[in-house]
Amino acid sequence: MLVGFGIHAVCCLAAAENPLTGKPDMLTPAAISALGLSEDQIRQLEILKSHYLKEIGPLQNEYFSRKAEFQMLWRQSRPNRQECMARHRELLMLQEKISDCTLRYELDCRHVLSPEQEAQWRRMQTDPP
């Protein structure tokens, strides 16, 4: 079914983990403590987060708006094939933009960490709490 699109690249830094991916959040008090982040690192990560949220917000809004339009089209008794395919491609392109934005953000965040902190971060993402 074409309607069941999901965005796995969206990163929510306000919670202990990203609700869509289940990955830990680097800026929670527990993560800050476990990673031993300095004040400068926290400041750098907060700046990266702010830029990321400004960039991803409009993309997410557009994605969900286009998704709702696609779903309305899909629910028609005889949806127009070409229009469905075009809307589907638009959604895929938006997902790719969101994914690219998130990947850049996550890579930028990892570059703020020392090699030891990055190794610890990777363990935190794969080990259960």
C-alpha atoms as a PDB file:
ATOM      1  CA  MET A   1       0.000   0.000   0.000  1.00  0.00           C
ATOM      2  CA  LEU A   2       1.445   3.372  -0.970  1.00  0.00           C
ATOM      3  CA  VAL A   3      -0.093   5.362   1.882  1.00  0.00           C
ATOM      4  CA  GLY A   4       2.078   3.989   4.675  1.00  0.00           C
ATOM      5  CA  PHE A   5       5.086   6.292   4.317  1.00  0.00           C
ATOM      6  CA  GLY A   6       7.256   6.928   7.325  1.00  0.00           C
ATOM      7  CA  ILE A   7      10.113   9.275   8.066  1.00  0.00           C
ATOM      8  CA  HIS A   8      12.854   7.494   9.911  1.00  0.00           C
ATOM      9  CA  ALA A   9      15.316  10.315   9.665  1.00  0.00           C
ATOM     10  CA  VAL A  10      13.573  12.816  11.859  1.00  0.00           C
ATOM     11  CA  CYS A  11      15.497  13.494  15.014  1.00  0.00           C
ATOM     12  CA  CYS A  12      13.786  14.849  18.129  1.00  0.00           C
ATOM     13  CA  LEU A  13      16.273  16.195  20.652  1.00  0.00           C
ATOM     14  CA  ALA A  14      13.780  17.151  23.338  1.00  0.00           C
ATOM     15  CA  ALA A  15      13.158  13.595  24.518  1.00  0.00           C
ATOM     16  CA  ALA A  16      15.499  10.957  25.944  1.00  0.00           C
ATOM     17  CA  GLU A  17      15.398   9.261  22.579  1.00  0.00           C
ATOM     18  CA  ASN A  18      14.126   9.921  19.114  1.00  0.00           C
ATOM     19  CA  PRO A  19      10.572   8.513  19.092  1.00  0.00           C
ATOM     20  CA  LEU A  20      10.800   7.549  15.407  1.00  0.00           C
ATOM     21  CA  THR A  21      14.202   5.875  15.412  1.00  0.00           C
ATOM     22  CA  GLY A  22      14.573   4.949  19.080  1.00  0.00           C
ATOM     23  CA  LYS A  23      18.107   6.391  19.118  1.00  0.00           C
ATOM     24  CA  PRO A  24      19.367   8.107  22.271  1.00  0.00           C
ATOM     25  CA  ASP A  25      19.510  11.893  22.345  1.00  0.00           C
ATOM     26  CA  MET A  26      22.962  13.449  22.783  1.00  0.00           C
ATOM     27  CA  LEU A  27      21.679  16.487  24.723  1.00  0.00           C
ATOM     28  CA  THR A  28      19.772  14.796  27.541  1.00  0.00           C
ATOM     29  CA  PRO A  29      21.249  15.245  31.020  1.00  0.00           C
ATOM     30  CA  ALA A  30      22.032  11.505  31.140  1.00  0.00           C
ATOM     31  CA  ALA A  31      23.848  11.573  27.789  1.00  0.00           C
ATOM     32  CA  ILE A  32      25.723  14.764  28.675  1.00  0.00           C
ATOM     33  CA  SER A  33      26.911  13.100  31.862  1.00  0.00           C
ATOM     34  CA  ALA A  34      27.733   9.738  30.261  1.00  0.00           C
ATOM     35  CA  LEU A  35      29.680  11.402  27.459  1.00  0.00           C
ATOM     36  CA  GLY A  36      31.359  13.915  29.762  1.00  0.00           C
ATOM     37  CA  LEU A  37      30.516  16.806  27.439  1.00  0.00           C
ATOM     38  CA  SER A  38      32.225  20.123  28.141  1.00  0.00           C
ATOM     39  CA  GLU A  39      30.301  23.396  28.258  1.00  0.00           C
ATOM     40  CA  ASP A  40      31.804  24.302  24.882  1.00  0.00           C
ATOM     41  CA  GLN A  41      30.673  21.001  23.356  1.00  0.00           C
ATOM     42  CA  ILE A  42      27.162  21.472  24.750  1.00  0.00           C
ATOM     43  CA  ARG A  43      27.061  24.992  23.288  1.00  0.00           C
ATOM     44  CA  GLN A  44      28.258  23.728  19.881  1.00  0.00           C
ATOM     45  CA  LEU A  45      25.669  20.925  19.907  1.00  0.00           C
ATOM     46  CA  GLU A  46      22.893  23.346  20.866  1.00  0.00           C
ATOM     47  CA  ILE A  47      23.844  25.624  17.951  1.00  0.00           C
ATOM     48  CA  LEU A  48      23.839  22.640  15.570  1.00  0.00           C
ATOM     49  CA  LYS A  49      20.458  21.575  16.940  1.00  0.00           C
ATOM     50  CA  SER A  50      18.996  25.040  16.449  1.00  0.00           C
ATOM     51  CA  HIS A  51      20.185  25.193  12.824  1.00  0.00           C
ATOM     52  CA  TYR A  52      18.935  21.669  12.189  1.00  0.00           C
ATOM     53  CA  LEU A  53      15.464  22.379  13.570  1.00  0.00           C
ATOM     54  CA  LYS A  54      15.202  25.551  11.457  1.00  0.00           C
ATOM     55  CA  GLU A  55      16.160  23.567   8.359  1.00  0.00           C
ATOM     56  CA  ILE A  56      14.071  20.451   8.988  1.00  0.00           C
ATOM     57  CA  GLY A  57      10.857  22.130  10.176  1.00  0.00           C
ATOM     58  CA  PRO A  58       9.739  23.484   6.799  1.00  0.00           C
ATOM     59  CA  LEU A  59      10.663  20.190   5.117  1.00  0.00           C
ATOM     60  CA  GLN A  60       8.574  18.236   7.616  1.00  0.00           C
ATOM     61  CA  ASN A  61       5.646  20.606   7.220  1.00  0.00           C
ATOM     62  CA  GLU A  62       5.780  20.274   3.452  1.00  0.00           C
ATOM     63  CA  TYR A  63       6.100  16.486   3.700  1.00  0.00           C
ATOM     64  CA  PHE A  64       3.052  16.091   5.939  1.00  0.00           C
ATOM     65  CA  SER A  65       1.018  18.501   3.815  1.00  0.00           C
ATOM     66  CA  ARG A  66       1.920  16.616   0.634  1.00  0.00           C
ATOM     67  CA  LYS A  67       1.269  13.298   2.342  1.00  0.00           C
ATOM     68  CA  ALA A  68      -2.242  14.417   3.314  1.00  0.00           C
ATOM     69  CA  GLU A  69      -2.865  15.500  -0.283  1.00  0.00           C
ATOM     70  CA  PHE A  70      -1.638  12.136  -1.535  1.00  0.00           C
ATOM     71  CA  GLN A  71      -3.846  10.266   0.920  1.00  0.00           C
ATOM     72  CA  MET A  72      -6.913  12.229  -0.202  1.00  0.00           C
ATOM     73  CA  LEU A  73      -6.075  11.398  -3.809  1.00  0.00           C
ATOM     74  CA  TRP A  74      -5.455   7.744  -2.924  1.00  0.00           C
ATOM     75  CA  ARG A  75      -8.855   7.420  -1.215  1.00  0.00           C
ATOM     76  CA  GLN A  76     -10.718   8.351  -4.384  1.00  0.00           C
ATOM     77  CA  SER A  77     -12.604   5.484  -5.994  1.00  0.00           C
ATOM     78  CA  ARG A  78     -10.477   5.692  -9.147  1.00  0.00           C
ATOM     79  CA  PRO A  79      -7.383   7.794  -8.399  1.00  0.00           C
ATOM     80  CA  ASN A  80      -5.530   9.243 -11.361  1.00  0.00           C
ATOM     81  CA  ARG A  81      -2.510   7.007 -11.923  1.00  0.00           C
ATOM     82  CA  GLN A  82      -0.183   9.750 -13.201  1.00  0.00           C
ATOM     83  CA  GLU A  83      -1.116  12.119 -10.416  1.00  0.00           C
ATOM     84  CA  CYS A  84      -0.587   9.392  -7.803  1.00  0.00           C
ATOM     85  CA  MET A  85       2.825   8.570  -9.230  1.00  0.00           C
ATOM     86  CA  ALA A  86       3.815  12.247  -9.347  1.00  0.00           C
ATOM     87  CA  ARG A  87       2.713  12.813  -5.730  1.00  0.00           C
ATOM     88  CA  HIS A  88       4.529   9.649  -4.676  1.00  0.00           C
ATOM     89  CA  ARG A  89       7.759  10.897  -6.276  1.00  0.00           C
ATOM     90  CA  GLU A  90       7.331  14.256  -4.500  1.00  0.00           C
ATOM     91  CA  LEU A  91       7.044  12.459  -1.170  1.00  0.00           C
ATOM     92  CA  LEU A  92      10.134  10.380  -1.901  1.00  0.00           C
ATOM     93  CA  MET A  93      12.104  13.504  -2.822  1.00  0.00           C
ATOM     94  CA  LEU A  94      11.047  15.198   0.416  1.00  0.00           C
ATOM     95  CA  GLN A  95      12.006  12.101   2.407  1.00  0.00           C
ATOM     96  CA  GLU A  96      15.416  12.184   0.766  1.00  0.00           C
ATOM     97  CA  LYS A  97      15.869  15.877   1.627  1.00  0.00           C
ATOM     98  CA  ILE A  98      14.878  15.192   5.245  1.00  0.00           C
ATOM     99  CA  SER A  99      17.196  12.208   5.402  1.00  0.00           C
ATOM    100  CA  ASP A 100      20.111  14.203   3.959  1.00  0.00           C
ATOM    101  CA  CYS A 101      19.484  17.052   6.396  1.00  0.00           C
ATOM    102  CA  THR A 102      19.415  14.661   9.330  1.00  0.00           C
ATOM    103  CA  LEU A 103      22.523  12.818   8.198  1.00  0.00           C
ATOM    104  CA  ARG A 104      24.448  16.105   7.911  1.00  0.00           C
ATOM    105  CA  TYR A 105      23.262  17.109  11.373  1.00  0.00           C
ATOM    106  CA  GLU A 106      24.218  13.790  12.957  1.00  0.00           C
ATOM    107  CA  LEU A 107      27.652  13.841  11.296  1.00  0.00           C
ATOM    108  CA  ASP A 108      28.211  17.441  12.425  1.00  0.00           C
ATOM    109  CA  CYS A 109      27.277  16.455  15.987  1.00  0.00           C
ATOM    110  CA  ARG A 110      29.673  13.516  15.953  1.00  0.00           C
ATOM    111  CA  HIS A 111      32.519  15.818  14.856  1.00  0.00           C
ATOM    112  CA  VAL A 112      32.047  17.820  18.060  1.00  0.00           C
ATOM    113  CA  LEU A 113      32.904  14.716  20.105  1.00  0.00           C
ATOM    114  CA  SER A 114      36.350  13.376  20.923  1.00  0.00           C
ATOM    115  CA  PRO A 115      37.139   9.884  19.579  1.00  0.00           C
ATOM    116  CA  GLU A 116      36.458   8.417  23.032  1.00  0.00           C
ATOM    117  CA  GLN A 117      33.147  10.257  23.335  1.00  0.00           C
ATOM    118  CA  GLU A 118      32.120   9.153  19.855  1.00  0.00           C
ATOM    119  CA  ALA A 119      32.870   5.523  20.714  1.00  0.00           C
ATOM    120  CA  GLN A 120      30.773   5.904  23.869  1.00  0.00           C
ATOM    121  CA  TRP A 121      27.973   7.558  21.844  1.00  0.00           C
ATOM    122  CA  ARG A 122      27.920   4.658  19.381  1.00  0.00           C
ATOM    123  CA  ARG A 123      27.682   2.197  22.297  1.00  0.00           C
ATOM    124  CA  MET A 124      24.827   4.221  23.787  1.00  0.00           C
ATOM    125  CA  GLN A 125      22.933   3.975  20.493  1.00  0.00           C
ATOM    126  CA  THR A 126      23.236   0.205  20.264  1.00  0.00           C
ATOM    127  CA  ASP A 127      23.207  -0.960  23.899  1.00  0.00           C
ATOM    128  CA  PRO A 128      19.891  -1.231  25.713  1.00  0.00           C
ATOM    129  CA  PRO A 129      19.514   1.081  28.740  1.00  0.00           C
END
